[in-house]
């Protein structure tokens, strides 16, 4: 299912730019066709990255608890955003014997 309209708290993936393939959470939707996105690590809530919608792939998933806090005006921490996006940006990989330095 494709998502056409951005929503606060929605998860999206960058398709253009040096941050290509990075996942973000939508913090604000601007009327000029852009959104303010954050990831809790490189782009903090205090300074969201402004991205054009045509450079994003909107996912059907949404961080409901963070979206509720953002719309109510309650405080959201960068660690909450980072934890919500951790499985997208940093997928688990299996460790090999070489990674663990076991001889």
PDB file of N, CA and C in Angstrom:
ATOM      1  N   UNK A   1       0.839  -1.181   0.000  1.00  0.00           N
ATOM      2  CA  UNK A   1       0.000   0.000   0.000  1.00  0.00           C
ATOM      3  C   UNK A   1       0.882   1.241   0.000  1.00  0.00           C
ATOM      4  N   UNK A   2       0.674   2.113  -0.988  1.00  0.00           N
ATOM      5  CA  UNK A   2       1.436   3.344  -1.062  1.00  0.00           C
ATOM      6  C   UNK A   2       0.760   4.436  -0.252  1.00  0.00           C
ATOM      7  N   UNK A   3       1.567   5.205   0.423  1.00  0.00           N
ATOM      8  CA  UNK A   3       1.061   6.336   1.188  1.00  0.00           C
ATOM      9  C   UNK A   3       1.282   7.577   0.342  1.00  0.00           C
ATOM     10  N   UNK A   4       0.242   8.360   0.161  1.00  0.00           N
ATOM     11  CA  UNK A   4       0.330   9.542  -0.701  1.00  0.00           C
ATOM     12  C   UNK A   4       0.557  10.831   0.087  1.00  0.00           C
ATOM     13  N   UNK A   5      -0.091  10.939   1.241  1.00  0.00           N
ATOM     14  CA  UNK A   5       0.007  12.181   2.004  1.00  0.00           C
ATOM     15  C   UNK A   5       0.830  11.952   3.270  1.00  0.00           C
ATOM     16  N   UNK A   6       1.714  12.885   3.591  1.00  0.00           N
ATOM     17  CA  UNK A   6       2.518  12.737   4.806  1.00  0.00           C
ATOM     18  C   UNK A   6       1.702  13.051   6.046  1.00  0.00           C
ATOM     19  N   UNK A   7       2.050  12.382   7.140  1.00  0.00           N
ATOM     20  CA  UNK A   7       1.389  12.620   8.419  1.00  0.00           C
ATOM     21  C   UNK A   7       2.458  12.736   9.503  1.00  0.00           C
ATOM     22  N   UNK A   8       2.190  13.561  10.485  1.00  0.00           N
ATOM     23  CA  UNK A   8       3.113  13.718  11.605  1.00  0.00           C
ATOM     24  C   UNK A   8       3.257  12.374  12.307  1.00  0.00           C
ATOM     25  N   UNK A   9       4.494  11.953  12.530  1.00  0.00           N
ATOM     26  CA  UNK A   9       4.757  10.665  13.164  1.00  0.00           C
ATOM     27  C   UNK A   9       4.945   9.544  12.166  1.00  0.00           C
ATOM     28  N   UNK A  10       4.743   9.826  10.889  1.00  0.00           N
ATOM     29  CA  UNK A  10       4.926   8.809   9.855  1.00  0.00           C
ATOM     30  C   UNK A  10       6.399   8.533   9.604  1.00  0.00           C
ATOM     31  N   UNK A  11       6.690   7.346   9.113  1.00  0.00           N
ATOM     32  CA  UNK A  11       8.065   6.959   8.827  1.00  0.00           C
ATOM     33  C   UNK A  11       8.279   7.036   7.324  1.00  0.00           C
ATOM     34  N   UNK A  12       9.426   7.573   6.932  1.00  0.00           N
ATOM     35  CA  UNK A  12       9.732   7.726   5.516  1.00  0.00           C
ATOM     36  C   UNK A  12      11.197   7.383   5.274  1.00  0.00           C
ATOM     37  N   UNK A  13      11.509   7.146   3.996  1.00  0.00           N
ATOM     38  CA  UNK A  13      12.866   6.814   3.595  1.00  0.00           C
ATOM     39  C   UNK A  13      13.329   7.832   2.562  1.00  0.00           C
ATOM     40  N   UNK A  14      14.526   8.337   2.727  1.00  0.00           N
ATOM     41  CA  UNK A  14      15.094   9.291   1.787  1.00  0.00           C
ATOM     42  C   UNK A  14      15.506   8.561   0.516  1.00  0.00           C
ATOM     43  N   UNK A  15      15.163   9.125  -0.637  1.00  0.00           N
ATOM     44  CA  UNK A  15      15.525   8.503  -1.909  1.00  0.00           C
ATOM     45  C   UNK A  15      16.557   9.312  -2.678  1.00  0.00           C
ATOM     46  N   UNK A  16      16.852  10.517  -2.243  1.00  0.00           N
ATOM     47  CA  UNK A  16      17.807  11.383  -2.927  1.00  0.00           C
ATOM     48  C   UNK A  16      18.706  12.070  -1.911  1.00  0.00           C
ATOM     49  N   UNK A  17      19.878  12.466  -2.361  1.00  0.00           N
ATOM     50  CA  UNK A  17      20.787  13.223  -1.511  1.00  0.00           C
ATOM     51  C   UNK A  17      21.824  12.342  -0.846  1.00  0.00           C
ATOM     52  N   UNK A  18      22.661  12.975  -0.055  1.00  0.00           N
ATOM     53  CA  UNK A  18      23.724  12.211   0.600  1.00  0.00           C
ATOM     54  C   UNK A  18      23.193  11.321   1.716  1.00  0.00           C
ATOM     55  N   UNK A  19      21.968  11.571   2.142  1.00  0.00           N
ATOM     56  CA  UNK A  19      21.339  10.734   3.163  1.00  0.00           C
ATOM     57  C   UNK A  19      20.438   9.665   2.550  1.00  0.00           C
ATOM     58  N   UNK A  20      20.688   9.314   1.304  1.00  0.00           N
ATOM     59  CA  UNK A  20      19.874   8.325   0.601  1.00  0.00           C
ATOM     60  C   UNK A  20      19.804   7.015   1.399  1.00  0.00           C
ATOM     61  N   UNK A  21      18.613   6.419   1.420  1.00  0.00           N
ATOM     62  CA  UNK A  21      18.319   5.155   2.105  1.00  0.00           C
ATOM     63  C   UNK A  21      18.250   5.281   3.625  1.00  0.00           C
ATOM     64  N   UNK A  22      18.310   6.475   4.169  1.00  0.00           N
ATOM     65  CA  UNK A  22      18.170   6.669   5.617  1.00  0.00           C
ATOM     66  C   UNK A  22      16.690   6.863   5.934  1.00  0.00           C
ATOM     67  N   UNK A  23      16.272   6.310   7.056  1.00  0.00           N
ATOM     68  CA  UNK A  23      14.880   6.405   7.482  1.00  0.00           C
ATOM     69  C   UNK A  23      14.701   7.550   8.468  1.00  0.00           C
ATOM     70  N   UNK A  24      13.586   8.237   8.337  1.00  0.00           N
ATOM     71  CA  UNK A  24      13.282   9.394   9.177  1.00  0.00           C
ATOM     72  C   UNK A  24      11.859   9.306   9.705  1.00  0.00           C
ATOM     73  N   UNK A  25      11.598  10.107  10.715  1.00  0.00           N
ATOM     74  CA  UNK A  25      10.262  10.287  11.259  1.00  0.00           C
ATOM     75  C   UNK A  25       9.827  11.706  10.894  1.00  0.00           C
ATOM     76  N   UNK A  26       8.606  11.861  10.422  1.00  0.00           N
ATOM     77  CA  UNK A  26       8.111  13.176  10.018  1.00  0.00           C
ATOM     78  C   UNK A  26       7.690  13.948  11.261  1.00  0.00           C
ATOM     79  N   UNK A  27       8.333  15.104  11.477  1.00  0.00           N
ATOM     80  CA  UNK A  27       8.012  15.944  12.633  1.00  0.00           C
ATOM     81  C   UNK A  27       6.968  16.991  12.272  1.00  0.00           C
ATOM     82  N   UNK A  28       7.149  17.657  11.136  1.00  0.00           N
ATOM     83  CA  UNK A  28       6.209  18.689  10.714  1.00  0.00           C
ATOM     84  C   UNK A  28       5.932  18.566   9.224  1.00  0.00           C
ATOM     85  N   UNK A  29       4.745  18.993   8.827  1.00  0.00           N
ATOM     86  CA  UNK A  29       4.366  19.041   7.414  1.00  0.00           C
ATOM     87  C   UNK A  29       4.148  20.508   7.071  1.00  0.00           C
ATOM     88  N   UNK A  30       4.936  21.009   6.121  1.00  0.00           N
ATOM     89  CA  UNK A  30       4.837  22.408   5.720  1.00  0.00           C
ATOM     90  C   UNK A  30       3.869  22.538   4.541  1.00  0.00           C
ATOM     91  N   UNK A  31       3.222  23.696   4.390  1.00  0.00           N
ATOM     92  CA  UNK A  31       2.241  23.865   3.304  1.00  0.00           C
ATOM     93  C   UNK A  31       2.856  23.949   1.906  1.00  0.00           C
ATOM     94  N   UNK A  32       4.164  24.156   1.813  1.00  0.00           N
ATOM     95  CA  UNK A  32       4.792  24.300   0.495  1.00  0.00           C
ATOM     96  C   UNK A  32       5.237  22.973  -0.120  1.00  0.00           C
ATOM     97  N   UNK A  33       4.784  21.839   0.413  1.00  0.00           N
ATOM     98  CA  UNK A  33       5.133  20.543  -0.163  1.00  0.00           C
ATOM     99  C   UNK A  33       6.402  19.939   0.394  1.00  0.00           C
ATOM    100  N   UNK A  34       6.859  20.433   1.522  1.00  0.00           N
ATOM    101  CA  UNK A  34       8.034  19.870   2.171  1.00  0.00           C
ATOM    102  C   UNK A  34       7.651  19.395   3.568  1.00  0.00           C
ATOM    103  N   UNK A  35       8.539  18.596   4.151  1.00  0.00           N
ATOM    104  CA  UNK A  35       8.325  18.118   5.517  1.00  0.00           C
ATOM    105  C   UNK A  35       9.614  18.297   6.313  1.00  0.00           C
ATOM    106  N   UNK A  36       9.478  18.388   7.615  1.00  0.00           N
ATOM    107  CA  UNK A  36      10.621  18.416   8.519  1.00  0.00           C
ATOM    108  C   UNK A  36      10.800  17.022   9.090  1.00  0.00           C
ATOM    109  N   UNK A  37      11.965  16.418   8.848  1.00  0.00           N
ATOM    110  CA  UNK A  37      12.195  15.042   9.272  1.00  0.00           C
ATOM    111  C   UNK A  37      13.331  14.980  10.296  1.00  0.00           C
ATOM    112  N   UNK A  38      13.241  14.003  11.203  1.00  0.00           N
ATOM    113  CA  UNK A  38      14.245  13.797  12.247  1.00  0.00           C
ATOM    114  C   UNK A  38      14.551  12.315  12.343  1.00  0.00           C
ATOM    115  N   UNK A  39      15.757  11.998  12.846  1.00  0.00           N
ATOM    116  CA  UNK A  39      16.094  10.591  13.085  1.00  0.00           C
ATOM    117  C   UNK A  39      16.613  10.347  14.501  1.00  0.00           C
ATOM    118  N   UNK A  40      16.743  11.390  15.295  1.00  0.00           N
ATOM    119  CA  UNK A  40      17.170  11.235  16.674  1.00  0.00           C
ATOM    120  C   UNK A  40      18.658  11.054  16.849  1.00  0.00           C
ATOM    121  N   UNK A  41      19.403  10.951  15.754  1.00  0.00           N
ATOM    122  CA  UNK A  41      20.840  10.748  15.841  1.00  0.00           C
ATOM    123  C   UNK A  41      21.568  11.889  15.127  1.00  0.00           C
ATOM    124  N   UNK A  42      21.447  11.945  13.811  1.00  0.00           N
ATOM    125  CA  UNK A  42      22.109  12.992  13.041  1.00  0.00           C
ATOM    126  C   UNK A  42      21.240  14.236  12.933  1.00  0.00           C
ATOM    127  N   UNK A  43      19.954  14.047  12.792  1.00  0.00           N
ATOM    128  CA  UNK A  43      19.003  15.155  12.725  1.00  0.00           C
ATOM    129  C   UNK A  43      18.139  15.119  13.971  1.00  0.00           C
ATOM    130  N   UNK A  44      18.370  16.072  14.847  1.00  0.00           N
ATOM    131  CA  UNK A  44      17.692  16.127  16.141  1.00  0.00           C
ATOM    132  C   UNK A  44      16.354  16.858  16.017  1.00  0.00           C
ATOM    133  N   UNK A  45      15.525  16.714  17.027  1.00  0.00           N
ATOM    134  CA  UNK A  45      14.224  17.366  17.058  1.00  0.00           C
ATOM    135  C   UNK A  45      14.331  18.889  17.078  1.00  0.00           C
ATOM    136  N   UNK A  46      15.407  19.408  17.628  1.00  0.00           N
ATOM    137  CA  UNK A  46      15.591  20.852  17.709  1.00  0.00           C
ATOM    138  C   UNK A  46      15.845  21.479  16.337  1.00  0.00           C
ATOM    139  N   UNK A  47      16.401  20.709  15.402  1.00  0.00           N
ATOM    140  CA  UNK A  47      16.721  21.223  14.064  1.00  0.00           C
ATOM    141  C   UNK A  47      16.375  20.167  13.014  1.00  0.00           C
ATOM    142  N   UNK A  48      15.097  20.020  12.666  1.00  0.00           N
ATOM    143  CA  UNK A  48      14.721  19.003  11.679  1.00  0.00           C
ATOM    144  C   UNK A  48      15.240  19.347  10.284  1.00  0.00           C
ATOM    145  N   UNK A  49      15.446  18.318   9.489  1.00  0.00           N
ATOM    146  CA  UNK A  49      15.908  18.486   8.110  1.00  0.00           C
ATOM    147  C   UNK A  49      14.689  18.721   7.232  1.00  0.00           C
ATOM    148  N   UNK A  50      14.741  19.738   6.400  1.00  0.00           N
ATOM    149  CA  UNK A  50      13.644  20.044   5.495  1.00  0.00           C
ATOM    150  C   UNK A  50      13.864  19.277   4.198  1.00  0.00           C
ATOM    151  N   UNK A  51      12.916  18.391   3.863  1.00  0.00           N
ATOM    152  CA  UNK A  51      13.040  17.557   2.660  1.00  0.00           C
ATOM    153  C   UNK A  51      11.796  17.735   1.796  1.00  0.00           C
ATOM    154  N   UNK A  52      12.018  17.711   0.498  1.00  0.00           N
ATOM    155  CA  UNK A  52      10.935  17.765  -0.467  1.00  0.00           C
ATOM    156  C   UNK A  52      10.245  16.407  -0.515  1.00  0.00           C
ATOM    157  N   UNK A  53       8.936  16.391  -0.657  1.00  0.00           N
ATOM    158  CA  UNK A  53       8.198  15.125  -0.658  1.00  0.00           C
ATOM    159  C   UNK A  53       8.574  14.220  -1.821  1.00  0.00           C
ATOM    160  N   UNK A  54       8.986  14.803  -2.944  1.00  0.00           N
ATOM    161  CA  UNK A  54       9.355  13.949  -4.073  1.00  0.00           C
ATOM    162  C   UNK A  54      10.697  13.252  -3.865  1.00  0.00           C
ATOM    163  N   UNK A  55      11.417  13.615  -2.813  1.00  0.00           N
ATOM    164  CA  UNK A  55      12.677  12.956  -2.476  1.00  0.00           C
ATOM    165  C   UNK A  55      12.521  11.958  -1.338  1.00  0.00           C
ATOM    166  N   UNK A  56      11.274  11.644  -0.983  1.00  0.00           N
ATOM    167  CA  UNK A  56      10.993  10.717   0.114  1.00  0.00           C
ATOM    168  C   UNK A  56      10.063   9.613  -0.354  1.00  0.00           C
ATOM    169  N   UNK A  57      10.236   8.449   0.247  1.00  0.00           N
ATOM    170  CA  UNK A  57       9.297   7.337   0.060  1.00  0.00           C
ATOM    171  C   UNK A  57       8.567   7.177   1.382  1.00  0.00           C
ATOM    172  N   UNK A  58       7.269   7.453   1.365  1.00  0.00           N
ATOM    173  CA  UNK A  58       6.465   7.380   2.587  1.00  0.00           C
ATOM    174  C   UNK A  58       6.075   5.935   2.843  1.00  0.00           C
ATOM    175  N   UNK A  59       6.289   5.472   4.072  1.00  0.00           N
ATOM    176  CA  UNK A  59       5.954   4.109   4.453  1.00  0.00           C
ATOM    177  C   UNK A  59       4.602   4.094   5.160  1.00  0.00           C
ATOM    178  N   UNK A  60       3.888   2.970   5.109  1.00  0.00           N
ATOM    179  CA  UNK A  60       2.588   2.905   5.795  1.00  0.00           C
ATOM    180  C   UNK A  60       2.711   2.850   7.319  1.00  0.00           C
ATOM    181  N   UNK A  61       3.896   2.566   7.852  1.00  0.00           N
ATOM    182  CA  UNK A  61       4.080   2.499   9.298  1.00  0.00           C
ATOM    183  C   UNK A  61       4.076   3.898   9.903  1.00  0.00           C
ATOM    184  N   UNK A  62       3.686   3.948  11.172  1.00  0.00           N
ATOM    185  CA  UNK A  62       3.633   5.218  11.894  1.00  0.00           C
ATOM    186  C   UNK A  62       3.987   4.967  13.353  1.00  0.00           C
ATOM    187  N   UNK A  63       4.745   5.870  13.937  1.00  0.00           N
ATOM    188  CA  UNK A  63       5.084   5.791  15.358  1.00  0.00           C
ATOM    189  C   UNK A  63       3.960   6.492  16.118  1.00  0.00           C
ATOM    190  N   UNK A  64       2.966   5.723  16.536  1.00  0.00           N
ATOM    191  CA  UNK A  64       1.740   6.277  17.124  1.00  0.00           C
ATOM    192  C   UNK A  64       1.996   7.080  18.403  1.00  0.00           C
ATOM    193  N   UNK A  65       2.824   6.550  19.301  1.00  0.00           N
ATOM    194  CA  UNK A  65       3.041   7.244  20.577  1.00  0.00           C
ATOM    195  C   UNK A  65       3.757   8.578  20.368  1.00  0.00           C
ATOM    196  N   UNK A  66       4.730   8.603  19.461  1.00  0.00           N
ATOM    197  CA  UNK A  66       5.453   9.847  19.192  1.00  0.00           C
ATOM    198  C   UNK A  66       4.545  10.830  18.458  1.00  0.00           C
ATOM    199  N   UNK A  67       3.729  10.328  17.541  1.00  0.00           N
ATOM    200  CA  UNK A  67       2.802  11.192  16.806  1.00  0.00           C
ATOM    201  C   UNK A  67       1.822  11.861  17.757  1.00  0.00           C
ATOM    202  N   UNK A  68       1.322  11.106  18.739  1.00  0.00           N
ATOM    203  CA  UNK A  68       0.385  11.678  19.710  1.00  0.00           C
ATOM    204  C   UNK A  68       1.052  12.768  20.533  1.00  0.00           C
ATOM    205  N   UNK A  69       2.297  12.540  20.923  1.00  0.00           N
ATOM    206  CA  UNK A  69       3.015  13.551  21.709  1.00  0.00           C
ATOM    207  C   UNK A  69       3.268  14.817  20.886  1.00  0.00           C
ATOM    208  N   UNK A  70       3.647  14.643  19.616  1.00  0.00           N
ATOM    209  CA  UNK A  70       3.932  15.795  18.768  1.00  0.00           C
ATOM    210  C   UNK A  70       2.673  16.624  18.516  1.00  0.00           C
ATOM    211  N   UNK A  71       1.545  15.973  18.281  1.00  0.00           N
ATOM    212  CA  UNK A  71       0.314  16.722  18.019  1.00  0.00           C
ATOM    213  C   UNK A  71      -0.244  17.377  19.281  1.00  0.00           C
ATOM    214  N   UNK A  72      -0.017  16.766  20.449  1.00  0.00           N
ATOM    215  CA  UNK A  72      -0.489  17.348  21.703  1.00  0.00           C
ATOM    216  C   UNK A  72       0.431  18.447  22.224  1.00  0.00           C
ATOM    217  N   UNK A  73       1.627  18.553  21.665  1.00  0.00           N
ATOM    218  CA  UNK A  73       2.568  19.564  22.115  1.00  0.00           C
ATOM    219  C   UNK A  73       3.399  19.119  23.303  1.00  0.00           C
ATOM    220  N   UNK A  74       3.342  17.830  23.637  1.00  0.00           N
ATOM    221  CA  UNK A  74       4.157  17.326  24.744  1.00  0.00           C
ATOM    222  C   UNK A  74       5.599  17.143  24.288  1.00  0.00           C
ATOM    223  N   UNK A  75       6.496  17.038  25.241  1.00  0.00           N
ATOM    224  CA  UNK A  75       7.917  16.925  24.924  1.00  0.00           C
ATOM    225  C   UNK A  75       8.257  15.524  24.426  1.00  0.00           C
ATOM    226  N   UNK A  76       9.008  15.493  23.332  1.00  0.00           N
ATOM    227  CA  UNK A  76       9.501  14.246  22.760  1.00  0.00           C
ATOM    228  C   UNK A  76      11.021  14.314  22.800  1.00  0.00           C
ATOM    229  N   UNK A  77      11.649  13.217  23.169  1.00  0.00           N
ATOM    230  CA  UNK A  77      13.102  13.174  23.264  1.00  0.00           C
ATOM    231  C   UNK A  77      13.696  12.504  22.027  1.00  0.00           C
ATOM    232  N   UNK A  78      14.926  12.896  21.707  1.00  0.00           N
ATOM    233  CA  UNK A  78      15.621  12.311  20.566  1.00  0.00           C
ATOM    234  C   UNK A  78      15.814  10.805  20.742  1.00  0.00           C
ATOM    235  N   UNK A  79      15.975  10.356  21.970  1.00  0.00           N
ATOM    236  CA  UNK A  79      16.167   8.921  22.205  1.00  0.00           C
ATOM    237  C   UNK A  79      14.919   8.120  21.839  1.00  0.00           C
ATOM    238  N   UNK A  80      13.733   8.714  22.003  1.00  0.00           N
ATOM    239  CA  UNK A  80      12.499   8.037  21.605  1.00  0.00           C
ATOM    240  C   UNK A  80      12.447   7.847  20.096  1.00  0.00           C
ATOM    241  N   UNK A  81      12.819   8.892  19.368  1.00  0.00           N
ATOM    242  CA  UNK A  81      12.822   8.830  17.905  1.00  0.00           C
ATOM    243  C   UNK A  81      13.870   7.826  17.436  1.00  0.00           C
ATOM    244  N   UNK A  82      15.047   7.876  18.035  1.00  0.00           N
ATOM    245  CA  UNK A  82      16.125   6.954  17.675  1.00  0.00           C
ATOM    246  C   UNK A  82      15.695   5.506  17.900  1.00  0.00           C
ATOM    247  N   UNK A  83      15.043   5.238  19.020  1.00  0.00           N
ATOM    248  CA  UNK A  83      14.594   3.874  19.324  1.00  0.00           C
ATOM    249  C   UNK A  83      13.526   3.411  18.347  1.00  0.00           C
ATOM    250  N   UNK A  84      12.638   4.315  17.937  1.00  0.00           N
ATOM    251  CA  UNK A  84      11.587   3.950  16.996  1.00  0.00           C
ATOM    252  C   UNK A  84      12.144   3.614  15.623  1.00  0.00           C
ATOM    253  N   UNK A  85      13.243   4.262  15.240  1.00  0.00           N
ATOM    254  CA  UNK A  85      13.827   4.060  13.913  1.00  0.00           C
ATOM    255  C   UNK A  85      15.007   3.097  13.907  1.00  0.00           C
ATOM    256  N   UNK A  86      15.388   2.594  15.060  1.00  0.00           N
ATOM    257  CA  UNK A  86      16.583   1.757  15.173  1.00  0.00           C
ATOM    258  C   UNK A  86      16.500   0.512  14.286  1.00  0.00           C
ATOM    259  N   UNK A  87      15.347  -0.125  14.234  1.00  0.00           N
ATOM    260  CA  UNK A  87      15.225  -1.342  13.430  1.00  0.00           C
ATOM    261  C   UNK A  87      15.291  -1.046  11.940  1.00  0.00           C
ATOM    262  N   UNK A  88      14.987   0.185  11.523  1.00  0.00           N
ATOM    263  CA  UNK A  88      15.074   0.555  10.114  1.00  0.00           C
ATOM    264  C   UNK A  88      16.496   0.934   9.717  1.00  0.00           C
ATOM    265  N   UNK A  89      17.111   1.857  10.491  1.00  0.00           N
ATOM    266  CA  UNK A  89      18.428   2.378  10.136  1.00  0.00           C
ATOM    267  C   UNK A  89      19.578   1.457  10.494  1.00  0.00           C
ATOM    268  N   UNK A  90      19.402   0.638  11.524  1.00  0.00           N
ATOM    269  CA  UNK A  90      20.488  -0.233  11.973  1.00  0.00           C
ATOM    270  C   UNK A  90      19.972  -1.659  12.119  1.00  0.00           C
ATOM    271  N   UNK A  91      19.727  -2.345  10.998  1.00  0.00           N
ATOM    272  CA  UNK A  91      19.214  -3.717  11.108  1.00  0.00           C
ATOM    273  C   UNK A  91      20.249  -4.638  11.736  1.00  0.00           C
ATOM    274  N   UNK A  92      19.751  -5.602  12.475  1.00  0.00           N
ATOM    275  CA  UNK A  92      20.641  -6.558  13.133  1.00  0.00           C
ATOM    276  C   UNK A  92      21.297  -7.444  12.086  1.00  0.00           C
ATOM    277  N   UNK A  93      22.549  -7.703  12.278  1.00  0.00           N
ATOM    278  CA  UNK A  93      23.244  -8.633  11.391  1.00  0.00           C
ATOM    279  C   UNK A  93      23.866  -9.719  12.240  1.00  0.00           C
ATOM    280  N   UNK A  94      24.011 -10.861  11.643  1.00  0.00           N
ATOM    281  CA  UNK A  94      24.589 -11.973  12.386  1.00  0.00           C
ATOM    282  C   UNK A  94      26.088 -11.777  12.528  1.00  0.00           C
ATOM    283  N   UNK A  95      26.583 -12.056  13.725  1.00  0.00           N
ATOM    284  CA  UNK A  95      28.016 -11.958  13.955  1.00  0.00           C
ATOM    285  C   UNK A  95      28.689 -13.233  13.487  1.00  0.00           C
ATOM    286  N   UNK A  96      29.806 -13.044  12.838  1.00  0.00           N
ATOM    287  CA  UNK A  96      30.599 -14.197  12.441  1.00  0.00           C
ATOM    288  C   UNK A  96      31.725 -14.384  13.440  1.00  0.00           C
ATOM    289  N   UNK A  97      32.459 -15.432  13.290  1.00  0.00           N
ATOM    290  CA  UNK A  97      33.576 -15.696  14.203  1.00  0.00           C
ATOM    291  C   UNK A  97      34.609 -14.582  14.101  1.00  0.00           C
ATOM    292  N   UNK A  98      34.827 -14.036  12.905  1.00  0.00           N
ATOM    293  CA  UNK A  98      35.804 -12.963  12.730  1.00  0.00           C
ATOM    294  C   UNK A  98      35.368 -11.689  13.450  1.00  0.00           C
ATOM    295  N   UNK A  99      34.051 -11.410  13.476  1.00  0.00           N
ATOM    296  CA  UNK A  99      33.551 -10.214  14.141  1.00  0.00           C
ATOM    297  C   UNK A  99      33.761 -10.282  15.655  1.00  0.00           C
ATOM    298  N   UNK A 100      33.654 -11.463  16.201  1.00  0.00           N
ATOM    299  CA  UNK A 100      33.768 -11.607  17.653  1.00  0.00           C
ATOM    300  C   UNK A 100      35.200 -11.795  18.123  1.00  0.00           C
ATOM    301  N   UNK A 101      36.140 -11.932  17.213  1.00  0.00           N
ATOM    302  CA  UNK A 101      37.549 -12.126  17.546  1.00  0.00           C
ATOM    303  C   UNK A 101      37.776 -13.357  18.418  1.00  0.00           C
ATOM    304  N   UNK A 102      37.084 -14.412  18.132  1.00  0.00           N
ATOM    305  CA  UNK A 102      37.264 -15.664  18.878  1.00  0.00           C
ATOM    306  C   UNK A 102      38.205 -16.553  18.067  1.00  0.00           C
ATOM    307  N   UNK A 103      39.205 -17.057  18.724  1.00  0.00           N
ATOM    308  CA  UNK A 103      40.149 -17.922  18.019  1.00  0.00           C
ATOM    309  C   UNK A 103      40.065 -19.344  18.520  1.00  0.00           C
TER     310      UNK A 103
END
